C-alpha atoms as a PDB file:
ATOM      1  CA  MET A   1       0.000   0.000   0.000  1.00  0.00           C
ATOM      2  CA  LYS A   2       2.787   2.434   0.887  1.00  0.00           C
ATOM      3  CA  LYS A   3       4.482   1.622  -2.375  1.00  0.00           C
ATOM      4  CA  ILE A   4       1.344   2.481  -4.372  1.00  0.00           C
ATOM      5  CA  LEU A   5       0.874   5.805  -2.516  1.00  0.00           C
ATOM      6  CA  ILE A   6       4.513   6.804  -3.140  1.00  0.00           C
ATOM      7  CA  ILE A   7       4.193   5.957  -6.851  1.00  0.00           C
ATOM      8  CA  LEU A   8       0.900   7.871  -7.082  1.00  0.00           C
ATOM      9  CA  ALA A   9       2.323  10.970  -5.303  1.00  0.00           C
ATOM     10  CA  LEU A  10       5.444  10.892  -7.453  1.00  0.00           C
ATOM     11  CA  SER A  11       3.334  10.571 -10.622  1.00  0.00           C
ATOM     12  CA  ILE A  12       1.149  13.561  -9.637  1.00  0.00           C
ATOM     13  CA  PHE A  13       4.258  15.628  -8.838  1.00  0.00           C
ATOM     14  CA  ILE A  14       5.906  14.831 -12.210  1.00  0.00           C
ATOM     15  CA  PHE A  15       2.634  15.523 -14.045  1.00  0.00           C
ATOM     16  CA  ASN A  16       2.327  18.940 -12.328  1.00  0.00           C
ATOM     17  CA  VAL A  17       5.939  19.848 -13.129  1.00  0.00           C
ATOM     18  CA  LEU A  18       5.493  18.990 -16.800  1.00  0.00           C
ATOM     19  CA  VAL A  19       2.112  20.708 -17.254  1.00  0.00           C
ATOM     20  CA  PHE A  20       2.233  23.829 -15.110  1.00  0.00           C
ATOM     21  CA  CYS A  21       5.882  24.903 -15.349  1.00  0.00           C
ATOM     22  CA  LYS A  22       7.028  26.817 -18.404  1.00  0.00           C
ATOM     23  CA  ALA A  23      10.479  27.765 -19.574  1.00  0.00           C
ATOM     24  CA  LYS A  24      11.789  31.271 -20.003  1.00  0.00           C
ATOM     25  CA  ASP A  25      11.128  32.644 -23.491  1.00  0.00           C
ATOM     26  CA  VAL A  26      14.622  33.313 -24.861  1.00  0.00           C
ATOM     27  CA  ASN A  27      13.801  34.178 -28.465  1.00  0.00           C
ATOM     28  CA  GLY A  28      10.871  36.503 -27.808  1.00  0.00           C
ATOM     29  CA  HIS A  29      12.658  39.502 -26.278  1.00  0.00           C
ATOM     30  CA  SER A  30      10.267  42.170 -25.220  1.00  0.00           C
ATOM     31  CA  VAL A  31      11.125  45.805 -25.870  1.00  0.00           C
ATOM     32  CA  GLU A  32      10.205  46.852 -22.341  1.00  0.00           C
ATOM     33  CA  ASN A  33      12.699  44.488 -20.691  1.00  0.00           C
ATOM     34  CA  ASN A  34      15.652  45.339 -22.954  1.00  0.00           C
ATOM     35  CA  LYS A  35      15.693  49.106 -23.241  1.00  0.00           C
ATOM     36  CA  ILE A  36      18.687  50.402 -25.174  1.00  0.00           C
ATOM     37  CA  LYS A  37      19.852  53.907 -24.374  1.00  0.00           C
ATOM     38  CA  ILE A  38      21.205  55.785 -27.358  1.00  0.00           C
ATOM     39  CA  ILE A  39      23.179  58.967 -26.793  1.00  0.00           C
ATOM     40  CA  LYS A  40      22.310  61.376 -29.552  1.00  0.00           C
ATOM     41  CA  SER A  41      24.354  64.414 -30.439  1.00  0.00           C
ATOM     42  CA  LYS A  42      22.538  67.712 -30.201  1.00  0.00           C
ATOM     43  CA  GLU A  43      23.597  70.867 -32.028  1.00  0.00           C
ATOM     44  CA  THR A  44      23.642  73.937 -29.804  1.00  0.00           C
ATOM     45  CA  THR A  45      24.136  77.653 -30.399  1.00  0.00           C
ATOM     46  CA  ASP A  46      25.295  79.943 -27.572  1.00  0.00           C
ATOM     47  CA  LYS A  47      25.571  83.730 -27.577  1.00  0.00           C
ATOM     48  CA  ILE A  48      28.098  85.135 -25.107  1.00  0.00           C
ATOM     49  CA  PHE A  49      28.477  88.885 -24.732  1.00  0.00           C
ATOM     50  CA  SER A  50      31.811  90.516 -23.933  1.00  0.00           C
ATOM     51  CA  PHE A  51      32.310  92.264 -20.598  1.00  0.00           C
ATOM     52  CA  ASP A  52      31.537  95.708 -22.024  1.00  0.00           C
ATOM     53  CA  LYS A  53      28.615  94.359 -24.159  1.00  0.00           C
ATOM     54  CA  THR A  54      30.110  95.743 -27.413  1.00  0.00           C
ATOM     55  CA  LYS A  55      30.737  92.338 -29.003  1.00  0.00           C
ATOM     56  CA  VAL A  56      28.931  89.018 -29.041  1.00  0.00           C
ATOM     57  CA  LEU A  57      30.533  85.593 -29.458  1.00  0.00           C
ATOM     58  CA  ILE A  58      28.280  83.110 -31.243  1.00  0.00           C
ATOM     59  CA  LEU A  59      29.295  79.479 -30.721  1.00  0.00           C
ATOM     60  CA  THR A  60      27.759  76.623 -32.718  1.00  0.00           C
ATOM     61  CA  TYR A  61      28.753  73.117 -31.627  1.00  0.00           C
ATOM     62  CA  LYS A  62      27.441  69.602 -31.080  1.00  0.00           C
ATOM     63  CA  ILE A  63      26.960  68.154 -27.613  1.00  0.00           C
ATOM     64  CA  ASP A  64      27.788  64.457 -27.365  1.00  0.00           C
ATOM     65  CA  LYS A  65      29.727  62.145 -25.062  1.00  0.00           C
ATOM     66  CA  SER A  66      33.168  63.299 -26.238  1.00  0.00           C
ATOM     67  CA  PRO A  67      35.039  65.966 -24.229  1.00  0.00           C
ATOM     68  CA  ILE A  68      36.541  67.321 -27.458  1.00  0.00           C
ATOM     69  CA  ILE A  69      34.212  69.851 -29.085  1.00  0.00           C
ATOM     70  CA  LYS A  70      34.451  71.421 -32.531  1.00  0.00           C
ATOM     71  CA  PHE A  71      33.402  75.061 -32.110  1.00  0.00           C
ATOM     72  CA  ASN A  72      32.327  77.159 -35.085  1.00  0.00           C
ATOM     73  CA  TYR A  73      32.721  80.648 -33.689  1.00  0.00           C
ATOM     74  CA  GLN A  74      31.726  84.067 -34.939  1.00  0.00           C
ATOM     75  CA  VAL A  75      32.354  87.436 -33.281  1.00  0.00           C
ATOM     76  CA  ILE A  76      29.929  90.241 -34.174  1.00  0.00           C
ATOM     77  CA  ASP A  77      29.995  93.905 -33.190  1.00  0.00           C
ATOM     78  CA  THR A  78      26.683  94.686 -31.450  1.00  0.00           C
ATOM     79  CA  ASP A  79      26.467  98.292 -32.675  1.00  0.00           C
ATOM     80  CA  THR A  80      27.208  97.844 -36.379  1.00  0.00           C
ATOM     81  CA  LYS A  81      26.199  94.149 -36.686  1.00  0.00           C
ATOM     82  CA  LYS A  82      29.463  93.633 -38.601  1.00  0.00           C
ATOM     83  CA  GLU A  83      31.287  90.306 -38.419  1.00  0.00           C
ATOM     84  CA  LEU A  84      34.718  90.839 -36.859  1.00  0.00           C
ATOM     85  CA  LYS A  85      36.099  87.286 -36.708  1.00  0.00           C
ATOM     86  CA  LYS A  86      34.998  83.851 -37.836  1.00  0.00           C
ATOM     87  CA  GLY A  87      36.612  80.429 -37.601  1.00  0.00           C
ATOM     88  CA  VAL A  88      36.766  76.939 -36.135  1.00  0.00           C
ATOM     89  CA  PHE A  89      38.392  75.848 -32.874  1.00  0.00           C
ATOM     90  CA  VAL A  90      38.677  72.277 -31.582  1.00  0.00           C
ATOM     91  CA  GLY A  91      39.024  71.958 -27.811  1.00  0.00           C
ATOM     92  CA  GLU A  92      37.039  71.973 -24.578  1.00  0.00           C
ATOM     93  CA  LYS A  93      35.820  75.534 -23.990  1.00  0.00           C
ATOM     94  CA  MET A  94      35.736  79.054 -25.476  1.00  0.00           C
ATOM     95  CA  GLU A  95      35.142  82.215 -23.458  1.00  0.00           C
ATOM     96  CA  TRP A  96      36.020  85.914 -23.331  1.00  0.00           C
ATOM     97  CA  LEU A  97      39.378  86.799 -21.773  1.00  0.00           C
ATOM     98  CA  ASP A  98      38.788  90.541 -22.158  1.00  0.00           C
ATOM     99  CA  ALA A  99      36.926  92.803 -24.616  1.00  0.00           C
ATOM    100  CA  THR A 100      39.287  92.063 -27.538  1.00  0.00           C
ATOM    101  CA  THR A 101      40.521  88.488 -26.996  1.00  0.00           C
ATOM    102  CA  LEU A 102      39.051  85.002 -26.675  1.00  0.00           C
ATOM    103  CA  LYS A 103      40.426  82.337 -24.349  1.00  0.00           C
ATOM    104  CA  CYS A 104      40.199  78.901 -25.966  1.00  0.00           C
ATOM    105  CA  THR A 105      40.905  75.927 -23.709  1.00  0.00           C
ATOM    106  CA  LYS A 106      42.640  73.024 -25.447  1.00  0.00           C
ATOM    107  CA  HIS A 107      41.883  69.392 -24.720  1.00  0.00           C
ATOM    108  CA  VAL A 108      44.851  67.926 -22.839  1.00  0.00           C
ATOM    109  CA  GLY A 109      43.569  64.436 -22.119  1.00  0.00           C
ATOM    110  CA  MET A 110      45.270  62.227 -19.575  1.00  0.00           C
ATOM    111  CA  ILE A 111      48.915  62.932 -18.825  1.00  0.00           C
ATOM    112  CA  GLN A 112      51.326  61.169 -16.517  1.00  0.00           C
ATOM    113  CA  LYS A 113      52.828  63.323 -13.810  1.00  0.00           C
ATOM    114  CA  GLU A 114      56.568  62.901 -13.456  1.00  0.00           C
ATOM    115  CA  ASP A 115      58.266  62.246 -10.139  1.00  0.00           C
ATOM    116  CA  ASP A 116      59.399  65.420  -8.296  1.00  0.00           C
ATOM    117  CA  GLN A 117      62.832  63.957  -7.543  1.00  0.00           C
ATOM    118  CA  ILE A 118      63.713  63.708 -11.238  1.00  0.00           C
ATOM    119  CA  LEU A 119      62.617  67.233 -12.152  1.00  0.00           C
ATOM    120  CA  SER A 120      65.127  70.057 -12.038  1.00  0.00           C
ATOM    121  CA  PRO A 121      64.242  73.389 -10.375  1.00  0.00           C
ATOM    122  CA  GLU A 122      63.786  75.039 -13.794  1.00  0.00           C
ATOM    123  CA  THR A 123      61.152  72.548 -14.918  1.00  0.00           C
ATOM    124  CA  LYS A 124      59.340  72.658 -11.564  1.00  0.00           C
ATOM    125  CA  ASN A 125      58.741  76.406 -11.943  1.00  0.00           C
ATOM    126  CA  LYS A 126      57.682  76.178 -15.594  1.00  0.00           C
ATOM    127  CA  ILE A 127      54.042  77.137 -16.091  1.00  0.00           C
ATOM    128  CA  ILE A 128      52.141  74.911 -18.486  1.00  0.00           C
ATOM    129  CA  ILE A 129      49.650  76.868 -20.608  1.00  0.00           C
ATOM    130  CA  ASN A 130      46.813  74.737 -21.886  1.00  0.00           C
ATOM    131  CA  TYR A 131      44.864  77.427 -23.709  1.00  0.00           C
ATOM    132  CA  SER A 132      45.273  79.564 -26.784  1.00  0.00           C
ATOM    133  CA  ILE A 133      44.294  83.179 -27.330  1.00  0.00           C
ATOM    134  CA  ILE A 134      42.498  84.599 -30.367  1.00  0.00           C
ATOM    135  CA  ASN A 135      42.701  88.345 -30.955  1.00  0.00           C
ATOM    136  CA  ILE A 136      39.598  90.002 -32.395  1.00  0.00           C
ATOM    137  CA  ASN A 137      41.220  93.117 -33.902  1.00  0.00           C
END
């Protein structure tokens, strides 16, 4: 009798496992479960006035995941609406240094710092300039 009950219980258990359990659907990926994030580049235009408000710097560039930006810049006199300077700069940032010059920050990237014991006193005091200057005259 015990043997028949064990066989019957085991048969019901195997039947339930085979009928009511289902496997994970591998081929039918749903869009909601696998969301892919795409970083899109966005073109932006900024207008930056000089300190004395006589000139305006118009920057057109694309925003994306790269730290290096290609700026198309244009400097316009606000009184006469005449274009004073136009060009392209590749770097990290552009801003006014004073009323007649632009400070353009270059992209340096990752650099390895040298050991202080190896450096001579002349190279320790050397100032590293990582920007360029554009005159508007």
